[in-house]
PDB file of N, CA and C in Angstrom:
ATOM      1  N   MET A   1      -2.926  15.889   7.159  1.00  0.00           N
ATOM      2  CA  MET A   1      -4.175  16.114   6.494  1.00  0.00           C
ATOM      3  C   MET A   1      -4.481  14.858   5.675  1.00  0.00           C
ATOM      4  N   CYS A   2      -5.762  14.536   5.551  1.00  0.00           N
ATOM      5  CA  CYS A   2      -6.136  13.358   4.770  1.00  0.00           C
ATOM      6  C   CYS A   2      -7.429  13.619   4.019  1.00  0.00           C
ATOM      7  N   ALA A   3      -7.658  12.789   3.011  1.00  0.00           N
ATOM      8  CA  ALA A   3      -8.874  12.902   2.202  1.00  0.00           C
ATOM      9  C   ALA A   3      -9.255  11.520   1.707  1.00  0.00           C
ATOM     10  N   GLU A   4     -10.553  11.316   1.540  1.00  0.00           N
ATOM     11  CA  GLU A   4     -11.044  10.107   0.884  1.00  0.00           C
ATOM     12  C   GLU A   4     -11.274  10.454  -0.580  1.00  0.00           C
ATOM     13  N   GLN A   5     -11.065   9.485  -1.432  1.00  0.00           N
ATOM     14  CA  GLN A   5     -11.181   9.721  -2.866  1.00  0.00           C
ATOM     15  C   GLN A   5     -11.927   8.558  -3.503  1.00  0.00           C
ATOM     16  N   VAL A   6     -12.804   8.876  -4.439  1.00  0.00           N
ATOM     17  CA  VAL A   6     -13.489   7.860  -5.232  1.00  0.00           C
ATOM     18  C   VAL A   6     -13.278   8.232  -6.693  1.00  0.00           C
ATOM     19  N   VAL A   7     -12.718   7.303  -7.453  1.00  0.00           N
ATOM     20  CA  VAL A   7     -12.442   7.526  -8.869  1.00  0.00           C
ATOM     21  C   VAL A   7     -13.199   6.476  -9.671  1.00  0.00           C
ATOM     22  N   ALA A   8     -13.907   6.906 -10.685  1.00  0.00           N
ATOM     23  CA  ALA A   8     -14.634   5.982 -11.561  1.00  0.00           C
ATOM     24  C   ALA A   8     -14.099   6.127 -12.975  1.00  0.00           C
ATOM     25  N   GLY A   9     -14.055   5.020 -13.694  1.00  0.00           N
ATOM     26  CA  GLY A   9     -13.578   5.066 -15.064  1.00  0.00           C
ATOM     27  C   GLY A   9     -13.802   3.739 -15.765  1.00  0.00           C
ATOM     28  N   THR A  10     -13.268   3.657 -16.965  1.00  0.00           N
ATOM     29  CA  THR A  10     -13.364   2.449 -17.776  1.00  0.00           C
ATOM     30  C   THR A  10     -11.955   1.953 -18.067  1.00  0.00           C
ATOM     31  N   HIS A  11     -11.734   0.667 -17.892  1.00  0.00           N
ATOM     32  CA  HIS A  11     -10.412   0.062 -18.099  1.00  0.00           C
ATOM     33  C   HIS A  11     -10.157  -0.080 -19.602  1.00  0.00           C
ATOM     34  N   THR A  12      -9.459   0.913 -20.174  1.00  0.00           N
ATOM     35  CA  THR A  12      -9.242   0.950 -21.623  1.00  0.00           C
ATOM     36  C   THR A  12      -7.780   0.826 -22.041  1.00  0.00           C
ATOM     37  N   ALA A  13      -6.873   0.756 -21.070  1.00  0.00           N
ATOM     38  CA  ALA A  13      -5.441   0.655 -21.389  1.00  0.00           C
ATOM     39  C   ALA A  13      -4.832  -0.452 -20.537  1.00  0.00           C
ATOM     40  N   PRO A  14      -3.677  -0.963 -20.933  1.00  0.00           N
ATOM     41  CA  PRO A  14      -3.058  -2.010 -20.127  1.00  0.00           C
ATOM     42  C   PRO A  14      -2.816  -1.540 -18.698  1.00  0.00           C
ATOM     43  N   LEU A  15      -3.056  -2.429 -17.741  1.00  0.00           N
ATOM     44  CA  LEU A  15      -2.795  -2.159 -16.337  1.00  0.00           C
ATOM     45  C   LEU A  15      -1.457  -2.788 -16.010  1.00  0.00           C
ATOM     46  N   ARG A  16      -0.522  -1.957 -15.618  1.00  0.00           N
ATOM     47  CA  ARG A  16       0.844  -2.431 -15.383  1.00  0.00           C
ATOM     48  C   ARG A  16       1.111  -2.633 -13.895  1.00  0.00           C
ATOM     49  N   ASP A  17       1.868  -3.663 -13.575  1.00  0.00           N
ATOM     50  CA  ASP A  17       2.322  -3.921 -12.215  1.00  0.00           C
ATOM     51  C   ASP A  17       3.466  -2.950 -11.929  1.00  0.00           C
ATOM     52  N   PRO A  18       3.341  -2.097 -10.891  1.00  0.00           N
ATOM     53  CA  PRO A  18       4.405  -1.124 -10.618  1.00  0.00           C
ATOM     54  C   PRO A  18       5.765  -1.760 -10.364  1.00  0.00           C
ATOM     55  N   SER A  19       5.784  -3.001  -9.862  1.00  0.00           N
ATOM     56  CA  SER A  19       7.058  -3.668  -9.595  1.00  0.00           C
ATOM     57  C   SER A  19       7.654  -4.277 -10.858  1.00  0.00           C
ATOM     58  N   GLY A  20       6.817  -4.439 -11.898  1.00  0.00           N
ATOM     59  CA  GLY A  20       7.294  -5.049 -13.131  1.00  0.00           C
ATOM     60  C   GLY A  20       7.407  -6.559 -13.058  1.00  0.00           C
ATOM     61  N   GLN A  21       6.938  -7.165 -11.975  1.00  0.00           N
ATOM     62  CA  GLN A  21       7.083  -8.611 -11.789  1.00  0.00           C
ATOM     63  C   GLN A  21       5.928  -9.415 -12.382  1.00  0.00           C
ATOM     64  N   GLN A  22       4.789  -8.758 -12.626  1.00  0.00           N
ATOM     65  CA  GLN A  22       3.625  -9.451 -13.171  1.00  0.00           C
ATOM     66  C   GLN A  22       3.359  -8.944 -14.591  1.00  0.00           C
ATOM     67  N   PRO A  23       2.760  -9.785 -15.433  1.00  0.00           N
ATOM     68  CA  PRO A  23       2.435  -9.321 -16.789  1.00  0.00           C
ATOM     69  C   PRO A  23       1.344  -8.258 -16.766  1.00  0.00           C
ATOM     70  N   ASP A  24       1.311  -7.437 -17.813  1.00  0.00           N
ATOM     71  CA  ASP A  24       0.263  -6.428 -17.942  1.00  0.00           C
ATOM     72  C   ASP A  24      -1.103  -7.094 -18.023  1.00  0.00           C
ATOM     73  N   VAL A  25      -2.134  -6.389 -17.534  1.00  0.00           N
ATOM     74  CA  VAL A  25      -3.515  -6.845 -17.679  1.00  0.00           C
ATOM     75  C   VAL A  25      -4.089  -6.113 -18.879  1.00  0.00           C
ATOM     76  N   SER A  26      -4.487  -6.858 -19.893  1.00  0.00           N
ATOM     77  CA  SER A  26      -5.053  -6.250 -21.098  1.00  0.00           C
ATOM     78  C   SER A  26      -6.355  -5.530 -20.774  1.00  0.00           C
ATOM     79  N   PRO A  27      -6.684  -4.470 -21.522  1.00  0.00           N
ATOM     80  CA  PRO A  27      -7.925  -3.731 -21.284  1.00  0.00           C
ATOM     81  C   PRO A  27      -9.145  -4.658 -21.338  1.00  0.00           C
ATOM     82  N   THR A  28     -10.056  -4.466 -20.390  1.00  0.00           N
ATOM     83  CA  THR A  28     -11.265  -5.289 -20.329  1.00  0.00           C
ATOM     84  C   THR A  28     -12.502  -4.539 -20.812  1.00  0.00           C
ATOM     85  N   GLY A  29     -12.419  -3.202 -20.852  1.00  0.00           N
ATOM     86  CA  GLY A  29     -13.577  -2.396 -21.207  1.00  0.00           C
ATOM     87  C   GLY A  29     -14.590  -2.279 -20.080  1.00  0.00           C
ATOM     88  N   LYS A  30     -14.271  -2.842 -18.909  1.00  0.00           N
ATOM     89  CA  LYS A  30     -15.206  -2.809 -17.781  1.00  0.00           C
ATOM     90  C   LYS A  30     -15.123  -1.479 -17.046  1.00  0.00           C
ATOM     91  N   LYS A  31     -16.278  -1.034 -16.546  1.00  0.00           N
ATOM     92  CA  LYS A  31     -16.326   0.165 -15.715  1.00  0.00           C
ATOM     93  C   LYS A  31     -15.933  -0.225 -14.289  1.00  0.00           C
ATOM     94  N   VAL A  32     -15.139   0.623 -13.642  1.00  0.00           N
ATOM     95  CA  VAL A  32     -14.665   0.353 -12.289  1.00  0.00           C
ATOM     96  C   VAL A  32     -14.818   1.599 -11.419  1.00  0.00           C
ATOM     97  N   VAL A  33     -14.892   1.358 -10.114  1.00  0.00           N
ATOM     98  CA  VAL A  33     -14.891   2.425  -9.114  1.00  0.00           C
ATOM     99  C   VAL A  33     -13.807   2.072  -8.104  1.00  0.00           C
ATOM    100  N   LEU A  34     -12.858   2.973  -7.912  1.00  0.00           N
ATOM    101  CA  LEU A  34     -11.739   2.727  -7.005  1.00  0.00           C
ATOM    102  C   LEU A  34     -11.813   3.721  -5.855  1.00  0.00           C
ATOM    103  N   LYS A  35     -11.830   3.197  -4.622  1.00  0.00           N
ATOM    104  CA  LYS A  35     -11.834   4.042  -3.432  1.00  0.00           C
ATOM    105  C   LYS A  35     -10.418   4.089  -2.865  1.00  0.00           C
ATOM    106  N   ALA A  36     -10.055   5.268  -2.330  1.00  0.00           N
ATOM    107  CA  ALA A  36      -8.705   5.428  -1.794  1.00  0.00           C
ATOM    108  C   ALA A  36      -8.711   6.429  -0.646  1.00  0.00           C
ATOM    109  N   ALA A  37      -7.681   6.340   0.182  1.00  0.00           N
ATOM    110  CA  ALA A  37      -7.400   7.340   1.205  1.00  0.00           C
ATOM    111  C   ALA A  37      -6.079   7.996   0.821  1.00  0.00           C
ATOM    112  N   VAL A  38      -6.054   9.317   0.872  1.00  0.00           N
ATOM    113  CA  VAL A  38      -4.850  10.070   0.515  1.00  0.00           C
ATOM    114  C   VAL A  38      -4.390  10.817   1.763  1.00  0.00           C
ATOM    115  N   ILE A  39      -3.141  10.602   2.147  1.00  0.00           N
ATOM    116  CA  ILE A  39      -2.577  11.224   3.339  1.00  0.00           C
ATOM    117  C   ILE A  39      -1.485  12.206   2.902  1.00  0.00           C
ATOM    118  N   PHE A  40      -1.598  13.443   3.376  1.00  0.00           N
ATOM    119  CA  PHE A  40      -0.620  14.480   3.063  1.00  0.00           C
ATOM    120  C   PHE A  40       0.133  14.848   4.341  1.00  0.00           C
ATOM    121  N   ARG A  41       1.451  14.932   4.248  1.00  0.00           N
ATOM    122  CA  ARG A  41       2.244  15.465   5.356  1.00  0.00           C
ATOM    123  C   ARG A  41       2.645  16.886   4.976  1.00  0.00           C
ATOM    124  N   VAL A  42       2.177  17.842   5.775  1.00  0.00           N
ATOM    125  CA  VAL A  42       2.427  19.253   5.500  1.00  0.00           C
ATOM    126  C   VAL A  42       3.418  19.772   6.526  1.00  0.00           C
ATOM    127  N   GLU A  43       4.432  20.467   6.042  1.00  0.00           N
ATOM    128  CA  GLU A  43       5.455  21.033   6.913  1.00  0.00           C
ATOM    129  C   GLU A  43       5.764  22.442   6.430  1.00  0.00           C
ATOM    130  N   ASP A  44       5.696  23.394   7.305  1.00  0.00           N
ATOM    131  CA  ASP A  44       5.959  24.799   6.965  1.00  0.00           C
ATOM    132  C   ASP A  44       5.070  25.274   5.815  1.00  0.00           C
ATOM    133  N   GLY A  45       3.816  24.812   5.798  1.00  0.00           N
ATOM    134  CA  GLY A  45       2.866  25.247   4.787  1.00  0.00           C
ATOM    135  C   GLY A  45       3.036  24.595   3.422  1.00  0.00           C
ATOM    136  N   LEU A  46       3.948  23.626   3.314  1.00  0.00           N
ATOM    137  CA  LEU A  46       4.183  22.928   2.042  1.00  0.00           C
ATOM    138  C   LEU A  46       3.907  21.437   2.192  1.00  0.00           C
ATOM    139  N   VAL A  47       3.351  20.837   1.148  1.00  0.00           N
ATOM    140  CA  VAL A  47       3.144  19.393   1.147  1.00  0.00           C
ATOM    141  C   VAL A  47       4.507  18.742   0.935  1.00  0.00           C
ATOM    142  N   ARG A  48       4.932  17.992   1.925  1.00  0.00           N
ATOM    143  CA  ARG A  48       6.257  17.347   1.872  1.00  0.00           C
ATOM    144  C   ARG A  48       6.173  15.873   1.484  1.00  0.00           C
ATOM    145  N   GLU A  49       4.997  15.274   1.676  1.00  0.00           N
ATOM    146  CA  GLU A  49       4.849  13.843   1.378  1.00  0.00           C
ATOM    147  C   GLU A  49       3.378  13.552   1.094  1.00  0.00           C
ATOM    148  N   ILE A  50       3.135  12.661   0.144  1.00  0.00           N
ATOM    149  CA  ILE A  50       1.780  12.206  -0.168  1.00  0.00           C
ATOM    150  C   ILE A  50       1.807  10.684  -0.215  1.00  0.00           C
ATOM    151  N   ARG A  51       0.859  10.076   0.480  1.00  0.00           N
ATOM    152  CA  ARG A  51       0.706   8.619   0.433  1.00  0.00           C
ATOM    153  C   ARG A  51      -0.721   8.302   0.026  1.00  0.00           C
ATOM    154  N   VAL A  52      -0.865   7.329  -0.868  1.00  0.00           N
ATOM    155  CA  VAL A  52      -2.183   6.928  -1.349  1.00  0.00           C
ATOM    156  C   VAL A  52      -2.372   5.444  -1.031  1.00  0.00           C
ATOM    157  N   TYR A  53      -3.483   5.135  -0.380  1.00  0.00           N
ATOM    158  CA  TYR A  53      -3.824   3.761  -0.046  1.00  0.00           C
ATOM    159  C   TYR A  53      -5.127   3.430  -0.756  1.00  0.00           C
ATOM    160  N   ASN A  54      -5.080   2.468  -1.692  1.00  0.00           N
ATOM    161  CA  ASN A  54      -6.299   2.115  -2.422  1.00  0.00           C
ATOM    162  C   ASN A  54      -6.612   0.634  -2.249  1.00  0.00           C
ATOM    163  N   ASP A  55      -7.818   0.291  -2.618  1.00  0.00           N
ATOM    164  CA  ASP A  55      -8.307  -1.081  -2.477  1.00  0.00           C
ATOM    165  C   ASP A  55      -8.047  -1.840  -3.785  1.00  0.00           C
ATOM    166  N   SER A  56      -6.832  -2.312  -3.949  1.00  0.00           N
ATOM    167  CA  SER A  56      -6.442  -3.010  -5.180  1.00  0.00           C
ATOM    168  C   SER A  56      -7.218  -4.303  -5.378  1.00  0.00           C
ATOM    169  N   LEU A  57      -7.548  -4.984  -4.287  1.00  0.00           N
ATOM    170  CA  LEU A  57      -8.300  -6.240  -4.409  1.00  0.00           C
ATOM    171  C   LEU A  57      -9.685  -5.979  -4.992  1.00  0.00           C
ATOM    172  N   ALA A  58     -10.341  -4.908  -4.542  1.00  0.00           N
ATOM    173  CA  ALA A  58     -11.659  -4.560  -5.089  1.00  0.00           C
ATOM    174  C   ALA A  58     -11.545  -4.229  -6.576  1.00  0.00           C
ATOM    175  N   LEU A  59     -10.485  -3.537  -6.968  1.00  0.00           N
ATOM    176  CA  LEU A  59     -10.269  -3.222  -8.381  1.00  0.00           C
ATOM    177  C   LEU A  59     -10.103  -4.508  -9.191  1.00  0.00           C
ATOM    178  N   MET A  60      -9.283  -5.429  -8.707  1.00  0.00           N
ATOM    179  CA  MET A  60      -9.065  -6.691  -9.418  1.00  0.00           C
ATOM    180  C   MET A  60     -10.370  -7.490  -9.533  1.00  0.00           C
ATOM    181  N   ALA A  61     -11.198  -7.453  -8.488  1.00  0.00           N
ATOM    182  CA  ALA A  61     -12.488  -8.160  -8.536  1.00  0.00           C
ATOM    183  C   ALA A  61     -13.393  -7.527  -9.585  1.00  0.00           C
ATOM    184  N   GLN A  62     -13.411  -6.186  -9.663  1.00  0.00           N
ATOM    185  CA  GLN A  62     -14.248  -5.511 -10.651  1.00  0.00           C
ATOM    186  C   GLN A  62     -13.805  -5.826 -12.074  1.00  0.00           C
ATOM    187  N   LEU A  63     -12.510  -6.074 -12.251  1.00  0.00           N
ATOM    188  CA  LEU A  63     -11.996  -6.421 -13.575  1.00  0.00           C
ATOM    189  C   LEU A  63     -12.159  -7.909 -13.886  1.00  0.00           C
ATOM    190  N   GLY A  64     -12.641  -8.691 -12.906  1.00  0.00           N
ATOM    191  CA  GLY A  64     -12.851 -10.118 -13.117  1.00  0.00           C
ATOM    192  C   GLY A  64     -11.587 -10.942 -13.000  1.00  0.00           C
ATOM    193  N   LEU A  65     -10.554 -10.387 -12.348  1.00  0.00           N
ATOM    194  CA  LEU A  65      -9.270 -11.082 -12.232  1.00  0.00           C
ATOM    195  C   LEU A  65      -9.182 -11.953 -10.995  1.00  0.00           C
ATOM    196  N   VAL A  66     -10.027 -11.672  -9.995  1.00  0.00           N
ATOM    197  CA  VAL A  66     -10.133 -12.496  -8.794  1.00  0.00           C
ATOM    198  C   VAL A  66     -11.621 -12.623  -8.478  1.00  0.00           C
ATOM    199  N   PRO A  67     -12.013 -13.641  -7.734  1.00  0.00           N
ATOM    200  CA  PRO A  67     -13.430 -13.757  -7.371  1.00  0.00           C
ATOM    201  C   PRO A  67     -13.866 -12.572  -6.501  1.00  0.00           C
ATOM    202  N   ALA A  68     -15.088 -12.115  -6.713  1.00  0.00           N
ATOM    203  CA  ALA A  68     -15.644 -11.050  -5.888  1.00  0.00           C
ATOM    204  C   ALA A  68     -15.828 -11.558  -4.468  1.00  0.00           C
ATOM    205  N   PRO A  69     -15.590 -10.712  -3.456  1.00  0.00           N
ATOM    206  CA  PRO A  69     -15.791 -11.172  -2.077  1.00  0.00           C
ATOM    207  C   PRO A  69     -17.265 -11.496  -1.821  1.00  0.00           C
ATOM    208  N   GLN A  70     -17.486 -12.490  -1.000  1.00  0.00           N
ATOM    209  CA  GLN A  70     -18.857 -12.885  -0.656  1.00  0.00           C
ATOM    210  C   GLN A  70     -19.401 -11.928   0.394  1.00  0.00           C
ATOM    211  N   THR A  71     -20.693 -11.652   0.299  1.00  0.00           N
ATOM    212  CA  THR A  71     -21.338 -10.792   1.285  1.00  0.00           C
ATOM    213  C   THR A  71     -22.213 -11.646   2.190  1.00  0.00           C
ATOM    214  N   ALA A  72     -22.423 -11.157   3.389  1.00  0.00           N
ATOM    215  CA  ALA A  72     -23.209 -11.919   4.378  1.00  0.00           C
ATOM    216  C   ALA A  72     -24.686 -11.848   4.071  1.00  0.00           C
TER     217      ALA A  72
END
């Protein structure tokens, strides 16, 4: 089973690198919209696994951390 997800919010707390290898990103106060795909593996009527795939590059661009992609 899968679902698309759109989450909107304001960057008000430090953004941490899950690996711990990069420094935290200080709050920018910018509004962001993050799109994601959520995949559920269901077995015997129970959710056994959840995977979330999001567009981290788009999030970083919205926060001004990387250049926004050019459009045609």
